[in-house]
Amino acid sequence: MDCRFIAFSEKGIRRSNQDICRIIEMPEHNRSLFVLCDGMGGHDMGDVAAETVCNALCEYWIEHAMETDSEEKVRKACAVAWKELYERSVRVLPVEMGTTLVMASVEGDRLTVANCGDSRCYLFREGQLVYQTVDHAEQRNGWEVVTRCFFSQREDAAVPDITSLTLQQGDRVFLCSDGVCRFVPENVILDCAQSACSLESVEMRLRRACEESSKDNYSGIFVSIGG
């Protein structure tokens, strides 16, 4: 299916931006790939981790463009991405680096979603939420702790949840870092999912909401299916 999209990524009140978004369009394969990574602020070089995982996954998708999207393809891509992250961490100091991952691939009418960490993907249909990823996080002693993520020293934690869904014309897909979903009211995100809301208006509303309330880097990719 054809799709249009907007993307944004800002440091917000933080000193630097450790989020990264990347979009790969492959019209010859009727496929688009959307990837968002959020470097772990409590670890060293979160921006490097996010960039490494994001780029490795995108490069795998490009190199394996002839393969149909599948759970196996995602797992292989994530294994390659973790290996790249580990090797880069060893070259640097070594140091433990970490990043979340959320990705969505649109191939024809099939949506493949993978998430590892607390960055999210939403699927809206006719203005209603029909799917949302589950955060890999829990409360410990009053703090939210990410339980699954791309940590350079923990291959066992870099295990994504993977879901395949069938798309319909007019569907809307939203990927975002926790700097969006933790601070922007759910009703604002839901309002943006209405088909009457143009992508330009969606971007303006989400940016404004993040500027007003987010206390973190904030990034999002908003996709409209069917143009």
C-alpha atoms as a PDB file:
ATOM      1  CA  MET A   1       0.000   0.000   0.000  1.00  0.00           C
ATOM      2  CA  ASP A   2       1.045   3.582  -0.543  1.00  0.00           C
ATOM      3  CA  CYS A   3       1.876   5.511   2.605  1.00  0.00           C
ATOM      4  CA  ARG A   4       2.730   9.056   3.590  1.00  0.00           C
ATOM      5  CA  PHE A   5       4.522  10.031   6.751  1.00  0.00           C
ATOM      6  CA  ILE A   6       5.959  12.747   8.935  1.00  0.00           C
ATOM      7  CA  ALA A   7       8.840  12.395  11.389  1.00  0.00           C
ATOM      8  CA  PHE A   8      10.359  14.539  14.111  1.00  0.00           C
ATOM      9  CA  SER A   9      13.144  14.168  16.662  1.00  0.00           C
ATOM     10  CA  GLU A  10      14.111  16.845  19.202  1.00  0.00           C
ATOM     11  CA  LYS A  11      16.296  17.024  22.303  1.00  0.00           C
ATOM     12  CA  GLY A  12      13.609  18.862  24.287  1.00  0.00           C
ATOM     13  CA  ILE A  13      14.903  19.993  27.689  1.00  0.00           C
ATOM     14  CA  ARG A  14      17.854  17.580  27.571  1.00  0.00           C
ATOM     15  CA  ARG A  15      21.368  18.703  26.670  1.00  0.00           C
ATOM     16  CA  SER A  16      21.583  16.293  23.726  1.00  0.00           C
ATOM     17  CA  ASN A  17      19.304  14.088  21.645  1.00  0.00           C
ATOM     18  CA  GLN A  18      19.835  10.349  22.070  1.00  0.00           C
ATOM     19  CA  ASP A  19      16.858   9.401  19.883  1.00  0.00           C
ATOM     20  CA  ILE A  20      17.252   8.507  16.229  1.00  0.00           C
ATOM     21  CA  CYS A  21      14.663   7.926  13.485  1.00  0.00           C
ATOM     22  CA  ARG A  22      15.276   6.446  10.061  1.00  0.00           C
ATOM     23  CA  ILE A  23      12.943   5.723   7.161  1.00  0.00           C
ATOM     24  CA  ILE A  24      13.757   3.463   4.210  1.00  0.00           C
ATOM     25  CA  GLU A  25      11.461   3.511   1.178  1.00  0.00           C
ATOM     26  CA  MET A  26      11.651   0.617  -1.294  1.00  0.00           C
ATOM     27  CA  PRO A  27       8.934   1.240  -3.901  1.00  0.00           C
ATOM     28  CA  GLU A  28      10.374  -1.441  -6.168  1.00  0.00           C
ATOM     29  CA  HIS A  29       9.611  -3.990  -3.425  1.00  0.00           C
ATOM     30  CA  ASN A  30       6.324  -2.369  -2.313  1.00  0.00           C
ATOM     31  CA  ARG A  31       7.888  -1.870   1.106  1.00  0.00           C
ATOM     32  CA  SER A  32       8.692   0.899   3.586  1.00  0.00           C
ATOM     33  CA  LEU A  33      10.639   0.562   6.814  1.00  0.00           C
ATOM     34  CA  PHE A  34      10.316   2.869   9.818  1.00  0.00           C
ATOM     35  CA  VAL A  35      12.789   2.593  12.706  1.00  0.00           C
ATOM     36  CA  LEU A  36      13.070   4.543  15.963  1.00  0.00           C
ATOM     37  CA  CYS A  37      15.681   3.993  18.682  1.00  0.00           C
ATOM     38  CA  ASP A  38      16.001   5.764  22.036  1.00  0.00           C
ATOM     39  CA  GLY A  39      19.465   5.633  23.617  1.00  0.00           C
ATOM     40  CA  MET A  40      19.461   4.750  27.302  1.00  0.00           C
ATOM     41  CA  GLY A  41      20.139   7.901  29.311  1.00  0.00           C
ATOM     42  CA  GLY A  42      21.381   5.975  32.348  1.00  0.00           C
ATOM     43  CA  HIS A  43      24.167   4.371  30.356  1.00  0.00           C
ATOM     44  CA  ASP A  44      27.174   5.722  28.505  1.00  0.00           C
ATOM     45  CA  MET A  45      26.937   6.758  24.863  1.00  0.00           C
ATOM     46  CA  GLY A  46      23.225   6.195  24.395  1.00  0.00           C
ATOM     47  CA  ASP A  47      23.291   8.201  21.184  1.00  0.00           C
ATOM     48  CA  VAL A  48      25.969   5.897  19.753  1.00  0.00           C
ATOM     49  CA  ALA A  49      23.967   2.814  20.754  1.00  0.00           C
ATOM     50  CA  ALA A  50      20.810   4.165  19.116  1.00  0.00           C
ATOM     51  CA  GLU A  51      22.616   5.061  15.910  1.00  0.00           C
ATOM     52  CA  THR A  52      24.421   1.703  15.759  1.00  0.00           C
ATOM     53  CA  VAL A  53      21.312  -0.436  16.205  1.00  0.00           C
ATOM     54  CA  CYS A  54      19.168   1.710  13.914  1.00  0.00           C
ATOM     55  CA  ASN A  55      21.727   1.735  11.095  1.00  0.00           C
ATOM     56  CA  ALA A  56      22.495  -1.977  11.396  1.00  0.00           C
ATOM     57  CA  LEU A  57      18.832  -2.940  11.185  1.00  0.00           C
ATOM     58  CA  CYS A  58      18.206  -0.658   8.206  1.00  0.00           C
ATOM     59  CA  GLU A  59      21.265  -1.972   6.384  1.00  0.00           C
ATOM     60  CA  TYR A  60      20.090  -5.543   6.945  1.00  0.00           C
ATOM     61  CA  TRP A  61      16.684  -4.651   5.482  1.00  0.00           C
ATOM     62  CA  ILE A  62      18.304  -3.129   2.406  1.00  0.00           C
ATOM     63  CA  GLU A  63      20.696  -6.053   1.916  1.00  0.00           C
ATOM     64  CA  HIS A  64      17.814  -8.552   2.231  1.00  0.00           C
ATOM     65  CA  ALA A  65      15.275  -6.593   0.203  1.00  0.00           C
ATOM     66  CA  MET A  66      14.335  -9.669  -1.836  1.00  0.00           C
ATOM     67  CA  GLU A  67      13.180 -11.517   1.290  1.00  0.00           C
ATOM     68  CA  THR A  68       9.563 -11.211   2.391  1.00  0.00           C
ATOM     69  CA  ASP A  69       9.150  -9.571   5.784  1.00  0.00           C
ATOM     70  CA  SER A  70       8.705 -12.143   8.548  1.00  0.00           C
ATOM     71  CA  GLU A  71       9.385 -12.837  12.201  1.00  0.00           C
ATOM     72  CA  GLU A  72      12.520 -14.745  11.226  1.00  0.00           C
ATOM     73  CA  LYS A  73      13.799 -11.796   9.184  1.00  0.00           C
ATOM     74  CA  VAL A  74      13.283  -9.446  12.125  1.00  0.00           C
ATOM     75  CA  ARG A  75      15.068 -11.772  14.530  1.00  0.00           C
ATOM     76  CA  LYS A  76      18.044 -12.156  12.193  1.00  0.00           C
ATOM     77  CA  ALA A  77      18.228  -8.389  11.697  1.00  0.00           C
ATOM     78  CA  CYS A  78      18.119  -7.820  15.462  1.00  0.00           C
ATOM     79  CA  ALA A  79      20.852 -10.401  16.039  1.00  0.00           C
ATOM     80  CA  VAL A  80      23.068  -8.581  13.544  1.00  0.00           C
ATOM     81  CA  ALA A  81      22.238  -5.237  15.181  1.00  0.00           C
ATOM     82  CA  TRP A  82      23.152  -6.506  18.651  1.00  0.00           C
ATOM     83  CA  LYS A  83      26.452  -7.913  17.335  1.00  0.00           C
ATOM     84  CA  GLU A  84      27.265  -4.525  15.775  1.00  0.00           C
ATOM     85  CA  LEU A  85      26.456  -2.840  19.092  1.00  0.00           C
ATOM     86  CA  TYR A  86      28.647  -5.256  21.063  1.00  0.00           C
ATOM     87  CA  GLU A  87      31.589  -4.900  18.685  1.00  0.00           C
ATOM     88  CA  ARG A  88      31.353  -1.123  18.742  1.00  0.00           C
ATOM     89  CA  SER A  89      31.239  -1.058  22.552  1.00  0.00           C
ATOM     90  CA  VAL A  90      34.402  -3.172  22.717  1.00  0.00           C
ATOM     91  CA  ARG A  91      36.203  -0.908  20.263  1.00  0.00           C
ATOM     92  CA  VAL A  92      35.309   2.194  22.259  1.00  0.00           C
ATOM     93  CA  LEU A  93      36.479   1.302  25.817  1.00  0.00           C
ATOM     94  CA  PRO A  94      34.755  -1.239  26.344  1.00  0.00           C
ATOM     95  CA  VAL A  95      31.594   0.301  27.738  1.00  0.00           C
ATOM     96  CA  GLU A  96      28.002  -0.848  28.210  1.00  0.00           C
ATOM     97  CA  MET A  97      25.686   0.996  25.855  1.00  0.00           C
ATOM     98  CA  GLY A  98      21.938   0.582  25.550  1.00  0.00           C
ATOM     99  CA  THR A  99      19.029   1.562  23.340  1.00  0.00           C
ATOM    100  CA  THR A 100      15.390   0.734  22.819  1.00  0.00           C
ATOM    101  CA  LEU A 101      14.061  -0.275  19.410  1.00  0.00           C
ATOM    102  CA  VAL A 102      10.675   0.004  17.765  1.00  0.00           C
ATOM    103  CA  MET A 103      10.245  -0.686  14.058  1.00  0.00           C
ATOM    104  CA  ALA A 104       7.401  -1.087  11.604  1.00  0.00           C
ATOM    105  CA  SER A 105       7.655  -2.461   8.094  1.00  0.00           C
ATOM    106  CA  VAL A 106       4.854  -1.961   5.589  1.00  0.00           C
ATOM    107  CA  GLU A 107       4.924  -4.546   2.797  1.00  0.00           C
ATOM    108  CA  GLY A 108       1.800  -4.473   0.676  1.00  0.00           C
ATOM    109  CA  ASP A 109      -1.056  -4.763   3.165  1.00  0.00           C
ATOM    110  CA  ARG A 110       1.116  -6.388   5.847  1.00  0.00           C
ATOM    111  CA  LEU A 111       2.457  -4.508   8.866  1.00  0.00           C
ATOM    112  CA  THR A 112       5.334  -6.106  10.772  1.00  0.00           C
ATOM    113  CA  VAL A 113       6.043  -4.507  14.156  1.00  0.00           C
ATOM    114  CA  ALA A 114       8.922  -5.225  16.526  1.00  0.00           C
ATOM    115  CA  ASN A 115       9.706  -3.553  19.844  1.00  0.00           C
ATOM    116  CA  CYS A 116      12.329  -4.011  22.529  1.00  0.00           C
ATOM    117  CA  GLY A 117      12.155  -1.559  25.414  1.00  0.00           C
ATOM    118  CA  ASP A 118       9.650   1.200  26.143  1.00  0.00           C
ATOM    119  CA  SER A 119       9.438   2.938  22.766  1.00  0.00           C
ATOM    120  CA  ARG A 120       6.007   2.244  21.284  1.00  0.00           C
ATOM    121  CA  CYS A 121       4.050   1.545  18.134  1.00  0.00           C
ATOM    122  CA  TYR A 122       0.308   2.227  17.808  1.00  0.00           C
ATOM    123  CA  LEU A 123      -2.063   1.181  15.031  1.00  0.00           C
ATOM    124  CA  PHE A 124      -5.257   3.212  14.614  1.00  0.00           C
ATOM    125  CA  ARG A 125      -8.237   2.307  12.416  1.00  0.00           C
ATOM    126  CA  GLU A 126     -11.195   4.611  11.850  1.00  0.00           C
ATOM    127  CA  GLY A 127      -9.896   6.785  14.667  1.00  0.00           C
ATOM    128  CA  GLN A 128      -9.763   3.931  17.190  1.00  0.00           C
ATOM    129  CA  LEU A 129      -6.754   2.215  18.740  1.00  0.00           C
ATOM    130  CA  VAL A 130      -6.619  -1.395  17.522  1.00  0.00           C
ATOM    131  CA  TYR A 131      -3.066  -2.340  18.505  1.00  0.00           C
ATOM    132  CA  GLN A 132      -0.348  -1.106  20.834  1.00  0.00           C
ATOM    133  CA  THR A 133       3.013  -2.613  21.734  1.00  0.00           C
ATOM    134  CA  VAL A 134       3.619  -3.611  25.357  1.00  0.00           C
ATOM    135  CA  ASP A 135       6.419  -1.774  27.164  1.00  0.00           C
ATOM    136  CA  HIS A 136       9.284  -3.885  28.487  1.00  0.00           C
ATOM    137  CA  ALA A 137       9.511  -1.982  31.774  1.00  0.00           C
ATOM    138  CA  GLU A 138       8.505  -2.357  35.395  1.00  0.00           C
ATOM    139  CA  GLN A 139       8.480  -0.318  38.589  1.00  0.00           C
ATOM    140  CA  ARG A 140      11.274  -1.040  41.065  1.00  0.00           C
ATOM    141  CA  ASN A 141      11.614   1.002  44.262  1.00  0.00           C
ATOM    142  CA  GLY A 142       9.703   3.870  42.691  1.00  0.00           C
ATOM    143  CA  TRP A 143      11.740   3.871  39.469  1.00  0.00           C
ATOM    144  CA  GLU A 144      10.785   2.586  36.049  1.00  0.00           C
ATOM    145  CA  VAL A 145      13.335   0.029  34.905  1.00  0.00           C
ATOM    146  CA  VAL A 146      13.561  -1.182  31.307  1.00  0.00           C
ATOM    147  CA  THR A 147      13.691  -4.987  31.424  1.00  0.00           C
ATOM    148  CA  ARG A 148      14.393  -5.734  27.764  1.00  0.00           C
ATOM    149  CA  CYS A 149      16.573  -3.610  25.551  1.00  0.00           C
ATOM    150  CA  PHE A 150      19.620  -3.633  23.285  1.00  0.00           C
ATOM    151  CA  PHE A 151      22.353  -3.651  25.937  1.00  0.00           C
ATOM    152  CA  SER A 152      25.823  -4.160  24.481  1.00  0.00           C
ATOM    153  CA  GLN A 153      26.811  -6.618  27.224  1.00  0.00           C
ATOM    154  CA  ARG A 154      23.520  -8.539  27.379  1.00  0.00           C
ATOM    155  CA  GLU A 155      22.554 -10.429  24.264  1.00  0.00           C
ATOM    156  CA  ASP A 156      19.740 -12.164  26.167  1.00  0.00           C
ATOM    157  CA  ALA A 157      17.956  -8.813  26.688  1.00  0.00           C
ATOM    158  CA  ALA A 158      17.904  -7.864  22.997  1.00  0.00           C
ATOM    159  CA  VAL A 159      14.842  -9.981  22.240  1.00  0.00           C
ATOM    160  CA  PRO A 160      11.982  -8.080  20.574  1.00  0.00           C
ATOM    161  CA  ASP A 161       8.275  -8.805  20.573  1.00  0.00           C
ATOM    162  CA  ILE A 162       7.181  -9.235  16.955  1.00  0.00           C
ATOM    163  CA  THR A 163       3.646  -8.875  15.602  1.00  0.00           C
ATOM    164  CA  SER A 164       2.210  -9.147  12.096  1.00  0.00           C
ATOM    165  CA  LEU A 165      -1.016  -7.312  11.243  1.00  0.00           C
ATOM    166  CA  THR A 166      -3.126  -6.770   8.145  1.00  0.00           C
ATOM    167  CA  LEU A 167      -3.512  -3.143   7.107  1.00  0.00           C
ATOM    168  CA  GLN A 168      -6.530  -1.376   5.633  1.00  0.00           C
ATOM    169  CA  GLN A 169      -6.785   1.829   3.639  1.00  0.00           C
ATOM    170  CA  GLY A 170      -6.923   4.778   6.020  1.00  0.00           C
ATOM    171  CA  ASP A 171      -5.047   3.096   8.873  1.00  0.00           C
ATOM    172  CA  ARG A 172      -2.552   5.208  10.801  1.00  0.00           C
ATOM    173  CA  VAL A 173       0.614   3.952  12.462  1.00  0.00           C
ATOM    174  CA  PHE A 174       2.531   5.900  15.094  1.00  0.00           C
ATOM    175  CA  LEU A 175       5.987   5.053  16.420  1.00  0.00           C
ATOM    176  CA  CYS A 176       7.384   7.130  19.282  1.00  0.00           C
ATOM    177  CA  SER A 177       9.969   7.275  22.030  1.00  0.00           C
ATOM    178  CA  ASP A 178       8.909   7.417  25.674  1.00  0.00           C
ATOM    179  CA  GLY A 179       9.519  11.160  25.603  1.00  0.00           C
ATOM    180  CA  VAL A 180       6.219  11.278  23.717  1.00  0.00           C
ATOM    181  CA  CYS A 181       4.070   8.508  25.170  1.00  0.00           C
ATOM    182  CA  ARG A 182       4.980   9.219  28.818  1.00  0.00           C
ATOM    183  CA  PHE A 183       4.143  12.911  28.650  1.00  0.00           C
ATOM    184  CA  VAL A 184       1.622  13.579  25.867  1.00  0.00           C
ATOM    185  CA  PRO A 185      -1.990  12.910  26.929  1.00  0.00           C
ATOM    186  CA  GLU A 186      -3.570   9.861  25.281  1.00  0.00           C
ATOM    187  CA  ASN A 187      -6.484  11.934  23.992  1.00  0.00           C
ATOM    188  CA  VAL A 188      -4.061  14.133  22.006  1.00  0.00           C
ATOM    189  CA  ILE A 189      -2.524  11.103  20.322  1.00  0.00           C
ATOM    190  CA  LEU A 190      -5.986   9.665  19.646  1.00  0.00           C
ATOM    191  CA  ASP A 191      -7.175  12.954  18.146  1.00  0.00           C
ATOM    192  CA  CYS A 192      -4.200  12.851  15.753  1.00  0.00           C
ATOM    193  CA  ALA A 193      -5.357   9.443  14.548  1.00  0.00           C
ATOM    194  CA  GLN A 194      -8.562  10.853  13.069  1.00  0.00           C
ATOM    195  CA  SER A 195      -8.520  10.592   9.269  1.00  0.00           C
ATOM    196  CA  ALA A 196      -9.645  14.209   8.903  1.00  0.00           C
ATOM    197  CA  CYS A 197      -6.418  15.352  10.579  1.00  0.00           C
ATOM    198  CA  SER A 198      -3.759  16.123   7.944  1.00  0.00           C
ATOM    199  CA  LEU A 199      -0.201  14.944   8.494  1.00  0.00           C
ATOM    200  CA  GLU A 200       0.935  18.556   8.720  1.00  0.00           C
ATOM    201  CA  SER A 201      -1.613  19.165  11.477  1.00  0.00           C
ATOM    202  CA  VAL A 202      -0.583  15.946  13.236  1.00  0.00           C
ATOM    203  CA  GLU A 203       3.054  17.018  13.303  1.00  0.00           C
ATOM    204  CA  MET A 204       2.194  20.482  14.576  1.00  0.00           C
ATOM    205  CA  ARG A 205      -0.035  19.151  17.370  1.00  0.00           C
ATOM    206  CA  LEU A 206       2.423  16.486  18.512  1.00  0.00           C
ATOM    207  CA  ARG A 207       5.374  18.861  18.490  1.00  0.00           C
ATOM    208  CA  ARG A 208       3.420  21.462  20.454  1.00  0.00           C
ATOM    209  CA  ALA A 209       2.284  18.905  23.022  1.00  0.00           C
ATOM    210  CA  CYS A 210       5.856  17.629  23.469  1.00  0.00           C
ATOM    211  CA  GLU A 211       7.270  21.141  23.767  1.00  0.00           C
ATOM    212  CA  GLU A 212       4.750  21.915  26.483  1.00  0.00           C
ATOM    213  CA  SER A 213       4.999  18.759  28.588  1.00  0.00           C
ATOM    214  CA  SER A 214       7.880  16.411  27.698  1.00  0.00           C
ATOM    215  CA  LYS A 215      10.847  16.159  30.066  1.00  0.00           C
ATOM    216  CA  ASP A 216      12.919  14.021  27.723  1.00  0.00           C
ATOM    217  CA  ASN A 217      14.052  13.792  24.115  1.00  0.00           C
ATOM    218  CA  TYR A 218      10.954  13.277  21.987  1.00  0.00           C
ATOM    219  CA  SER A 219      10.699  11.580  18.605  1.00  0.00           C
ATOM    220  CA  GLY A 220       7.938  10.173  16.462  1.00  0.00           C
ATOM    221  CA  ILE A 221       7.112   8.755  13.057  1.00  0.00           C
ATOM    222  CA  PHE A 222       3.468   9.057  12.009  1.00  0.00           C
ATOM    223  CA  VAL A 223       2.374   7.048   8.960  1.00  0.00           C
ATOM    224  CA  SER A 224      -0.857   7.332   6.993  1.00  0.00           C
ATOM    225  CA  ILE A 225      -1.702   4.192   5.028  1.00  0.00           C
ATOM    226  CA  GLY A 226      -3.190   4.649   1.592  1.00  0.00           C
ATOM    227  CA  GLY A 227      -1.787   8.138   1.013  1.00  0.00           C
END
